[in-house]
Structure formats: structure tokens, C-alpha cells
């Protein structure tokens, strides 16, 4: 019996991945950034923002969201895989989490979290 190669058949190219290190940030300060290049089609990204953490010697409370692999639900290409549409629990959990994060990032609601970890 021949088995499907799911890694090959359902692979979604993430594009380019880069790493940057930011040095000498001031504690609890909002920074703005964008990425891209004037030489690339599309040029620059929209502007994003983050707030640097408190000073290392400060003891502060924080809230975080941690979630693991919720199954087969991926945005924006979920519609490509109708064979997985019956995974309702994963779909609705992922949808609700995404809606919450997007609204907070867009400033529509006050964020009730300090950072997010996806495992």
C-alpha cells in the first residue's frame, strides 16, 4: 500500500525568515519598525510596534498565552484542504484565538496579554 507524503503534499512555503537583534533598548518603551527593501516588489511592510520589557532588575507580573498544535487549521490556506473541514474543535479554537489576537494587535481592544508562545 502506498501512503501519502503529507509533508510534501501539504507543505506551505513560509517565505524568507530573517533574524534581527535589537540592542540597548530602553525598558517599557514602545518601538516601531518595518521590514522589507525598496528593491523588492511590494517594498516595505506596514509599520509594526512592540513594547520592550521592564528592566531586568524589576519584578513584575505578566500575562501570557501559550498554545500548542491545534491540528490542521492554518490561515489563510485552510480552504485548500476540504478533507480536514470536519475538524471543528480545532477550527473554532483557532478561530477564536486568532480573532482575540488580531483585535488586540489592531488596538480594537486593550490587550490582556503580554506575550504569546506557540509550541
Protein backbone atom coordinates (compact mmCIF):
# COMPACT_ATOMS: atom_id res chain seq x y z
CA UNK A 1 0.00 0.00 0.00
CA UNK A 2 1.30 3.44 -0.92
CA UNK A 3 0.95 6.11 1.75
CA UNK A 4 0.64 9.83 1.02
CA UNK A 5 3.57 12.09 1.79
CA UNK A 6 1.78 14.69 3.91
CA UNK A 7 4.91 16.79 4.43
CA UNK A 8 5.31 17.15 0.68
CA UNK A 9 1.63 17.34 -0.29
CA UNK A 10 0.60 19.94 2.31
CA UNK A 11 3.80 21.94 2.73
CA UNK A 12 3.26 25.71 2.81
CA UNK A 13 6.36 27.70 1.97
CA UNK A 14 6.89 30.24 4.77
CA UNK A 15 8.90 32.53 2.53
CA UNK A 16 12.08 34.11 3.83
CA UNK A 17 12.90 34.02 7.53
CA UNK A 18 15.37 36.50 9.00
CA UNK A 19 16.67 37.15 12.50
CA UNK A 20 17.49 40.54 13.97
CA UNK A 21 18.94 41.52 17.34
CA UNK A 22 17.94 44.81 18.96
CA UNK A 23 20.46 46.19 21.42
CA UNK A 24 20.33 48.92 24.07
CA UNK A 25 16.53 49.14 24.21
CA UNK A 26 15.06 51.31 26.96
CA UNK A 27 12.76 49.48 29.42
CA UNK A 28 8.99 49.71 28.91
CA UNK A 29 9.34 51.78 25.73
CA UNK A 30 7.22 51.50 22.59
CA UNK A 31 9.22 50.93 19.41
CA UNK A 32 8.04 50.98 15.81
CA UNK A 33 9.56 49.02 12.96
CA UNK A 34 9.02 47.80 9.43
CA UNK A 35 10.85 45.37 7.19
CA UNK A 36 11.47 44.91 3.50
CA UNK A 37 13.52 46.61 0.87
CA UNK A 38 12.98 49.29 -1.74
CA UNK A 39 14.43 46.85 -4.27
CA UNK A 40 11.76 44.18 -3.67
CA UNK A 41 8.35 44.09 -5.31
CA UNK A 42 5.99 45.44 -2.67
CA UNK A 43 8.82 47.37 -1.00
CA UNK A 44 8.28 47.79 2.72
CA UNK A 45 5.89 46.15 5.16
CA UNK A 46 3.35 48.09 7.14
CA UNK A 47 4.62 49.54 10.42
CA UNK A 48 4.53 47.24 13.45
CA UNK A 49 5.07 48.04 17.11
CA UNK A 50 6.13 46.41 20.36
CA UNK A 51 6.86 47.50 23.92
CA UNK A 52 10.20 46.48 25.39
CA UNK A 53 10.14 44.55 28.68
CA UNK A 54 10.75 46.12 32.09
CA UNK A 55 14.31 46.46 33.36
CA UNK A 56 15.93 43.15 34.28
CA UNK A 57 16.07 44.07 37.98
CA UNK A 58 12.31 44.82 38.18
CA UNK A 59 9.91 42.17 39.42
CA UNK A 60 6.61 42.46 37.55
CA UNK A 61 3.53 40.36 36.89
CA UNK A 62 2.70 39.38 33.33
CA UNK A 63 0.03 37.51 31.38
CA UNK A 64 0.81 35.20 28.53
CA UNK A 65 -1.00 32.99 26.07
CA UNK A 66 0.53 29.57 25.41
CA UNK A 67 -0.98 27.19 22.91
CA UNK A 68 0.19 24.08 21.10
CA UNK A 69 -0.51 22.47 17.79
CA UNK A 70 -4.25 22.77 17.30
CA UNK A 71 -4.35 20.49 14.30
CA UNK A 72 -4.78 21.26 10.65
CA UNK A 73 -6.20 24.75 10.72
CA UNK A 74 -3.85 27.21 9.01
CA UNK A 75 -4.58 30.70 7.76
CA UNK A 76 -5.00 31.75 5.01
CA UNK A 77 -4.87 28.45 3.10
CA UNK A 78 -7.24 26.26 5.11
CA UNK A 79 -9.73 26.31 2.23
CA UNK A 80 -7.25 24.33 0.12
CA UNK A 81 -7.81 21.20 2.23
CA UNK A 82 -11.52 20.27 2.35
CA UNK A 83 -10.64 16.80 3.64
CA UNK A 84 -9.88 18.42 7.01
CA UNK A 85 -13.04 20.54 7.29
CA UNK A 86 -14.57 18.17 9.82
CA UNK A 87 -12.02 19.19 12.48
CA UNK A 88 -14.49 21.59 14.13
CA UNK A 89 -12.95 21.75 17.62
CA UNK A 90 -9.56 22.73 16.26
CA UNK A 91 -11.11 25.17 13.80
CA UNK A 92 -13.22 27.03 16.36
CA UNK A 93 -10.44 27.15 18.96
CA UNK A 94 -8.02 28.53 16.40
CA UNK A 95 -10.60 30.99 15.05
CA UNK A 96 -11.37 32.38 18.49
CA UNK A 97 -7.69 32.72 19.43
CA UNK A 98 -6.87 34.41 16.11
CA UNK A 99 -9.78 36.86 16.48
CA UNK A 100 -8.66 37.78 20.01
CA UNK A 101 -5.03 38.36 18.99
CA UNK A 102 -5.88 40.33 15.84
CA UNK A 103 -8.28 42.65 17.69
CA UNK A 104 -5.71 43.31 20.43
CA UNK A 105 -2.88 43.93 17.97
CA UNK A 106 -5.09 46.27 15.92
CA UNK A 107 -5.88 48.28 19.06
CA UNK A 108 -9.61 47.46 18.94
CA UNK A 109 -9.45 46.09 22.49
CA UNK A 110 -6.93 46.56 25.28
CA UNK A 111 -4.56 43.56 25.17
CA UNK A 112 -4.94 41.32 28.21
CA UNK A 113 -1.67 39.53 27.48
CA UNK A 114 1.99 40.49 27.39
CA UNK A 115 3.26 37.85 25.00
CA UNK A 116 2.23 34.75 23.07
CA UNK A 117 4.01 31.39 22.79
CA UNK A 118 3.07 28.84 20.14
CA UNK A 119 4.63 25.44 20.72
